[in-house]
Amino acid sequence: MQFTPIKDFYSDEFQSQYCAGLSYTVRPEDQKLADLVPIWIAEGKVKLGVPEAVLAEAKVAGSGKTT
């Protein structure tokens, strides 16, 4: 199952930030997450499915050094 946050929100249960417009996948072994998604839908935080405008492919490139 995939879901997409409608707005940014923080999950205390997972101590994790969910970002609007990104797609997240609930895997079969993620029962706790699967249980929370319907609650988040009811709260207006997420919707089922992937974002409406999905780019074909995203790439990041760069160079530099850290100090």
PDB file of N, CA and C in Angstrom:
ATOM      1  N   MET A   1       0.852  -1.167   0.000  1.00  0.00           N
ATOM      2  CA  MET A   1       0.000   0.000   0.000  1.00  0.00           C
ATOM      3  C   MET A   1       0.903   1.236   0.000  1.00  0.00           C
ATOM      4  N   GLN A   2       0.509   2.220  -0.782  1.00  0.00           N
ATOM      5  CA  GLN A   2       1.250   3.481  -0.810  1.00  0.00           C
ATOM      6  C   GLN A   2       0.346   4.608  -0.338  1.00  0.00           C
ATOM      7  N   PHE A   3       0.962   5.588   0.330  1.00  0.00           N
ATOM      8  CA  PHE A   3       0.219   6.758   0.755  1.00  0.00           C
ATOM      9  C   PHE A   3       1.064   8.001   0.552  1.00  0.00           C
ATOM     10  N   THR A   4       0.381   9.140   0.472  1.00  0.00           N
ATOM     11  CA  THR A   4       1.038  10.421   0.260  1.00  0.00           C
ATOM     12  C   THR A   4       0.530  11.424   1.288  1.00  0.00           C
ATOM     13  N   PRO A   5       1.410  12.025   2.073  1.00  0.00           N
ATOM     14  CA  PRO A   5       0.973  13.068   2.997  1.00  0.00           C
ATOM     15  C   PRO A   5       0.403  14.271   2.245  1.00  0.00           C
ATOM     16  N   ILE A   6      -0.686  14.800   2.773  1.00  0.00           N
ATOM     17  CA  ILE A   6      -1.307  15.995   2.215  1.00  0.00           C
ATOM     18  C   ILE A   6      -0.623  17.240   2.773  1.00  0.00           C
ATOM     19  N   LYS A   7      -0.099  17.104   3.986  1.00  0.00           N
ATOM     20  CA  LYS A   7       0.632  18.185   4.633  1.00  0.00           C
ATOM     21  C   LYS A   7       1.781  17.565   5.425  1.00  0.00           C
ATOM     22  N   ASP A   8       2.796  18.348   5.704  1.00  0.00           N
ATOM     23  CA  ASP A   8       3.905  17.856   6.517  1.00  0.00           C
ATOM     24  C   ASP A   8       3.392  17.575   7.928  1.00  0.00           C
ATOM     25  N   PHE A   9       3.849  16.477   8.515  1.00  0.00           N
ATOM     26  CA  PHE A   9       3.507  16.200   9.912  1.00  0.00           C
ATOM     27  C   PHE A   9       4.559  15.299  10.543  1.00  0.00           C
ATOM     28  N   TYR A  10       4.601  15.326  11.853  1.00  0.00           N
ATOM     29  CA  TYR A  10       5.541  14.522  12.625  1.00  0.00           C
ATOM     30  C   TYR A  10       4.777  13.396  13.301  1.00  0.00           C
ATOM     31  N   SER A  11       5.304  12.196  13.230  1.00  0.00           N
ATOM     32  CA  SER A  11       4.709  11.041  13.884  1.00  0.00           C
ATOM     33  C   SER A  11       5.470  10.748  15.174  1.00  0.00           C
ATOM     34  N   ASP A  12       4.784  10.915  16.302  1.00  0.00           N
ATOM     35  CA  ASP A  12       5.401  10.569  17.583  1.00  0.00           C
ATOM     36  C   ASP A  12       5.675   9.070  17.680  1.00  0.00           C
ATOM     37  N   GLU A  13       4.781   8.266  17.086  1.00  0.00           N
ATOM     38  CA  GLU A  13       4.923   6.810  17.144  1.00  0.00           C
ATOM     39  C   GLU A  13       6.227   6.335  16.508  1.00  0.00           C
ATOM     40  N   PHE A  14       6.609   6.977  15.413  1.00  0.00           N
ATOM     41  CA  PHE A  14       7.822   6.575  14.701  1.00  0.00           C
ATOM     42  C   PHE A  14       8.965   7.558  14.871  1.00  0.00           C
ATOM     43  N   GLN A  15       8.712   8.660  15.578  1.00  0.00           N
ATOM     44  CA  GLN A  15       9.699   9.724  15.733  1.00  0.00           C
ATOM     45  C   GLN A  15      10.270  10.084  14.366  1.00  0.00           C
ATOM     46  N   SER A  16       9.344  10.373  13.442  1.00  0.00           N
ATOM     47  CA  SER A  16       9.717  10.605  12.056  1.00  0.00           C
ATOM     48  C   SER A  16       8.845  11.690  11.448  1.00  0.00           C
ATOM     49  N   GLN A  17       9.418  12.450  10.539  1.00  0.00           N
ATOM     50  CA  GLN A  17       8.708  13.482   9.798  1.00  0.00           C
ATOM     51  C   GLN A  17       8.212  12.903   8.479  1.00  0.00           C
ATOM     52  N   TYR A  18       6.969  13.200   8.126  1.00  0.00           N
ATOM     53  CA  TYR A  18       6.405  12.808   6.835  1.00  0.00           C
ATOM     54  C   TYR A  18       6.170  14.087   6.039  1.00  0.00           C
ATOM     55  N   CYS A  19       6.631  14.113   4.799  1.00  0.00           N
ATOM     56  CA  CYS A  19       6.632  15.335   3.991  1.00  0.00           C
ATOM     57  C   CYS A  19       5.556  15.287   2.912  1.00  0.00           C
ATOM     58  N   ALA A  20       4.814  16.375   2.814  1.00  0.00           N
ATOM     59  CA  ALA A  20       3.739  16.493   1.827  1.00  0.00           C
ATOM     60  C   ALA A  20       4.289  16.275   0.424  1.00  0.00           C
ATOM     61  N   GLY A  21       3.544  15.512  -0.369  1.00  0.00           N
ATOM     62  CA  GLY A  21       3.903  15.302  -1.760  1.00  0.00           C
ATOM     63  C   GLY A  21       4.846  14.146  -2.021  1.00  0.00           C
ATOM     64  N   LEU A  22       5.431  13.564  -0.971  1.00  0.00           N
ATOM     65  CA  LEU A  22       6.284  12.395  -1.163  1.00  0.00           C
ATOM     66  C   LEU A  22       5.441  11.137  -1.012  1.00  0.00           C
ATOM     67  N   SER A  23       5.861  10.066  -1.637  1.00  0.00           N
ATOM     68  CA  SER A  23       5.142   8.800  -1.566  1.00  0.00           C
ATOM     69  C   SER A  23       5.847   7.871  -0.583  1.00  0.00           C
ATOM     70  N   TYR A  24       5.057   7.205   0.245  1.00  0.00           N
ATOM     71  CA  TYR A  24       5.581   6.256   1.222  1.00  0.00           C
ATOM     72  C   TYR A  24       4.899   4.910   0.990  1.00  0.00           C
ATOM     73  N   THR A  25       5.627   3.828   1.241  1.00  0.00           N
ATOM     74  CA  THR A  25       5.113   2.481   1.029  1.00  0.00           C
ATOM     75  C   THR A  25       4.992   1.757   2.359  1.00  0.00           C
ATOM     76  N   VAL A  26       3.843   1.130   2.571  1.00  0.00           N
ATOM     77  CA  VAL A  26       3.638   0.277   3.736  1.00  0.00           C
ATOM     78  C   VAL A  26       3.913  -1.145   3.286  1.00  0.00           C
ATOM     79  N   ARG A  27       4.934  -1.737   3.824  1.00  0.00           N
ATOM     80  CA  ARG A  27       5.309  -3.108   3.473  1.00  0.00           C
ATOM     81  C   ARG A  27       4.535  -4.089   4.369  1.00  0.00           C
ATOM     82  N   PRO A  28       4.393  -5.332   3.924  1.00  0.00           N
ATOM     83  CA  PRO A  28       3.607  -6.311   4.703  1.00  0.00           C
ATOM     84  C   PRO A  28       4.064  -6.456   6.154  1.00  0.00           C
ATOM     85  N   GLU A  29       5.340  -6.314   6.405  1.00  0.00           N
ATOM     86  CA  GLU A  29       5.851  -6.472   7.771  1.00  0.00           C
ATOM     87  C   GLU A  29       5.662  -5.210   8.626  1.00  0.00           C
ATOM     88  N   ASP A  30       5.160  -4.131   8.052  1.00  0.00           N
ATOM     89  CA  ASP A  30       4.985  -2.855   8.765  1.00  0.00           C
ATOM     90  C   ASP A  30       3.557  -2.709   9.287  1.00  0.00           C
ATOM     91  N   GLN A  31       3.130  -3.626  10.156  1.00  0.00           N
ATOM     92  CA  GLN A  31       1.752  -3.618  10.641  1.00  0.00           C
ATOM     93  C   GLN A  31       1.423  -2.356  11.430  1.00  0.00           C
ATOM     94  N   LYS A  32       2.368  -1.868  12.226  1.00  0.00           N
ATOM     95  CA  LYS A  32       2.114  -0.650  13.011  1.00  0.00           C
ATOM     96  C   LYS A  32       1.815   0.528  12.082  1.00  0.00           C
ATOM     97  N   LEU A  33       2.585   0.656  11.011  1.00  0.00           N
ATOM     98  CA  LEU A  33       2.342   1.723  10.040  1.00  0.00           C
ATOM     99  C   LEU A  33       1.012   1.496   9.324  1.00  0.00           C
ATOM    100  N   ALA A  34       0.725   0.262   8.960  1.00  0.00           N
ATOM    101  CA  ALA A  34      -0.541  -0.055   8.289  1.00  0.00           C
ATOM    102  C   ALA A  34      -1.731   0.301   9.175  1.00  0.00           C
ATOM    103  N   ASP A  35      -1.589   0.132  10.477  1.00  0.00           N
ATOM    104  CA  ASP A  35      -2.664   0.478  11.409  1.00  0.00           C
ATOM    105  C   ASP A  35      -2.850   1.990  11.539  1.00  0.00           C
ATOM    106  N   LEU A  36      -1.771   2.746  11.383  1.00  0.00           N
ATOM    107  CA  LEU A  36      -1.846   4.202  11.537  1.00  0.00           C
ATOM    108  C   LEU A  36      -2.360   4.925  10.304  1.00  0.00           C
ATOM    109  N   VAL A  37      -2.146   4.375   9.127  1.00  0.00           N
ATOM    110  CA  VAL A  37      -2.553   5.068   7.893  1.00  0.00           C
ATOM    111  C   VAL A  37      -4.045   5.410   7.891  1.00  0.00           C
ATOM    112  N   PRO A  38      -4.970   4.498   8.252  1.00  0.00           N
ATOM    113  CA  PRO A  38      -6.388   4.890   8.279  1.00  0.00           C
ATOM    114  C   PRO A  38      -6.683   6.023   9.267  1.00  0.00           C
ATOM    115  N   ILE A  39      -5.976   6.049  10.370  1.00  0.00           N
ATOM    116  CA  ILE A  39      -6.138   7.138  11.347  1.00  0.00           C
ATOM    117  C   ILE A  39      -5.671   8.448  10.733  1.00  0.00           C
ATOM    118  N   TRP A  40      -4.513   8.411  10.056  1.00  0.00           N
ATOM    119  CA  TRP A  40      -3.992   9.622   9.405  1.00  0.00           C
ATOM    120  C   TRP A  40      -4.913  10.100   8.296  1.00  0.00           C
ATOM    121  N   ILE A  41      -5.551   9.156   7.586  1.00  0.00           N
ATOM    122  CA  ILE A  41      -6.515   9.539   6.547  1.00  0.00           C
ATOM    123  C   ILE A  41      -7.685  10.279   7.195  1.00  0.00           C
ATOM    124  N   ALA A  42      -8.217   9.730   8.280  1.00  0.00           N
ATOM    125  CA  ALA A  42      -9.341  10.351   8.985  1.00  0.00           C
ATOM    126  C   ALA A  42      -8.975  11.729   9.533  1.00  0.00           C
ATOM    127  N   GLU A  43      -7.711  11.906   9.905  1.00  0.00           N
ATOM    128  CA  GLU A  43      -7.241  13.193  10.420  1.00  0.00           C
ATOM    129  C   GLU A  43      -6.902  14.178   9.305  1.00  0.00           C
ATOM    130  N   GLY A  44      -6.992  13.734   8.046  1.00  0.00           N
ATOM    131  CA  GLY A  44      -6.693  14.613   6.917  1.00  0.00           C
ATOM    132  C   GLY A  44      -5.206  14.834   6.675  1.00  0.00           C
ATOM    133  N   LYS A  45      -4.379  13.932   7.172  1.00  0.00           N
ATOM    134  CA  LYS A  45      -2.936  14.069   7.012  1.00  0.00           C
ATOM    135  C   LYS A  45      -2.412  13.418   5.735  1.00  0.00           C
ATOM    136  N   VAL A  46      -3.037  12.307   5.323  1.00  0.00           N
ATOM    137  CA  VAL A  46      -2.553  11.559   4.158  1.00  0.00           C
ATOM    138  C   VAL A  46      -3.718  11.113   3.290  1.00  0.00           C
ATOM    139  N   LYS A  47      -3.371  10.690   2.074  1.00  0.00           N
ATOM    140  CA  LYS A  47      -4.338  10.045   1.181  1.00  0.00           C
ATOM    141  C   LYS A  47      -3.656   8.801   0.623  1.00  0.00           C
ATOM    142  N   LEU A  48      -4.459   7.836   0.228  1.00  0.00           N
ATOM    143  CA  LEU A  48      -3.903   6.626  -0.374  1.00  0.00           C
ATOM    144  C   LEU A  48      -3.405   6.924  -1.780  1.00  0.00           C
ATOM    145  N   GLY A  49      -2.381   6.204  -2.195  1.00  0.00           N
ATOM    146  CA  GLY A  49      -1.855   6.343  -3.544  1.00  0.00           C
ATOM    147  C   GLY A  49      -0.599   7.193  -3.598  1.00  0.00           C
ATOM    148  N   VAL A  50      -0.153   7.395  -4.815  1.00  0.00           N
ATOM    149  CA  VAL A  50       1.069   8.166  -5.059  1.00  0.00           C
ATOM    150  C   VAL A  50       0.704   9.605  -5.393  1.00  0.00           C
ATOM    151  N   PRO A  51       1.671  10.517  -5.332  1.00  0.00           N
ATOM    152  CA  PRO A  51       1.386  11.911  -5.697  1.00  0.00           C
ATOM    153  C   PRO A  51       0.840  12.007  -7.116  1.00  0.00           C
ATOM    154  N   GLU A  52       0.002  12.997  -7.352  1.00  0.00           N
ATOM    155  CA  GLU A  52      -0.609  13.164  -8.674  1.00  0.00           C
ATOM    156  C   GLU A  52       0.416  13.454  -9.755  1.00  0.00           C
ATOM    157  N   ALA A  53       1.406  14.258  -9.450  1.00  0.00           N
ATOM    158  CA  ALA A  53       2.435  14.592 -10.435  1.00  0.00           C
ATOM    159  C   ALA A  53       3.724  13.894 -10.032  1.00  0.00           C
ATOM    160  N   VAL A  54       3.929  12.712 -10.578  1.00  0.00           N
ATOM    161  CA  VAL A  54       5.129  11.942 -10.277  1.00  0.00           C
ATOM    162  C   VAL A  54       6.118  12.125 -11.417  1.00  0.00           C
ATOM    163  N   LEU A  55       7.309  12.557 -11.086  1.00  0.00           N
ATOM    164  CA  LEU A  55       8.345  12.701 -12.108  1.00  0.00           C
ATOM    165  C   LEU A  55       8.816  11.319 -12.525  1.00  0.00           C
ATOM    166  N   ALA A  56       9.190  11.187 -13.766  1.00  0.00           N
ATOM    167  CA  ALA A  56       9.627   9.898 -14.286  1.00  0.00           C
ATOM    168  C   ALA A  56      10.845   9.380 -13.526  1.00  0.00           C
ATOM    169  N   GLU A  57      11.768  10.265 -13.248  1.00  0.00           N
ATOM    170  CA  GLU A  57      12.972   9.845 -12.551  1.00  0.00           C
ATOM    171  C   GLU A  57      13.613  11.073 -11.920  1.00  0.00           C
ATOM    172  N   ALA A  58      14.085  10.915 -10.712  1.00  0.00           N
ATOM    173  CA  ALA A  58      14.782  12.010 -10.048  1.00  0.00           C
ATOM    174  C   ALA A  58      16.242  11.616  -9.877  1.00  0.00           C
ATOM    175  N   LYS A  59      17.117  12.550 -10.159  1.00  0.00           N
ATOM    176  CA  LYS A  59      18.556  12.286 -10.015  1.00  0.00           C
ATOM    177  C   LYS A  59      19.178  13.445  -9.245  1.00  0.00           C
ATOM    178  N   VAL A  60      20.144  13.097  -8.429  1.00  0.00           N
ATOM    179  CA  VAL A  60      20.892  14.101  -7.684  1.00  0.00           C
ATOM    180  C   VAL A  60      22.367  13.861  -7.964  1.00  0.00           C
ATOM    181  N   ALA A  61      23.067  14.913  -8.271  1.00  0.00           N
ATOM    182  CA  ALA A  61      24.499  14.794  -8.508  1.00  0.00           C
ATOM    183  C   ALA A  61      25.192  16.003  -7.886  1.00  0.00           C
ATOM    184  N   GLY A  62      26.435  15.841  -7.603  1.00  0.00           N
ATOM    185  CA  GLY A  62      27.171  16.966  -7.049  1.00  0.00           C
ATOM    186  C   GLY A  62      28.563  16.538  -6.623  1.00  0.00           C
ATOM    187  N   SER A  63      29.316  17.497  -6.233  1.00  0.00           N
ATOM    188  CA  SER A  63      30.662  17.204  -5.748  1.00  0.00           C
ATOM    189  C   SER A  63      31.016  18.269  -4.731  1.00  0.00           C
ATOM    190  N   GLY A  64      32.026  17.994  -3.971  1.00  0.00           N
ATOM    191  CA  GLY A  64      32.477  18.929  -2.961  1.00  0.00           C
ATOM    192  C   GLY A  64      33.204  18.184  -1.862  1.00  0.00           C
ATOM    193  N   LYS A  65      33.508  18.905  -0.820  1.00  0.00           N
ATOM    194  CA  LYS A  65      34.173  18.258   0.304  1.00  0.00           C
ATOM    195  C   LYS A  65      33.639  18.828   1.597  1.00  0.00           C
ATOM    196  N   THR A  66      33.703  18.038   2.624  1.00  0.00           N
ATOM    197  CA  THR A  66      33.267  18.484   3.933  1.00  0.00           C
ATOM    198  C   THR A  66      34.484  18.708   4.795  1.00  0.00           C
ATOM    199  N   THR A  67      34.324  19.568   5.745  1.00  0.00           N
ATOM    200  CA  THR A  67      35.442  19.844   6.649  1.00  0.00           C
ATOM    201  C   THR A  67      35.075  19.535   8.062  1.00  0.00           C
TER     202      THR A  67
END
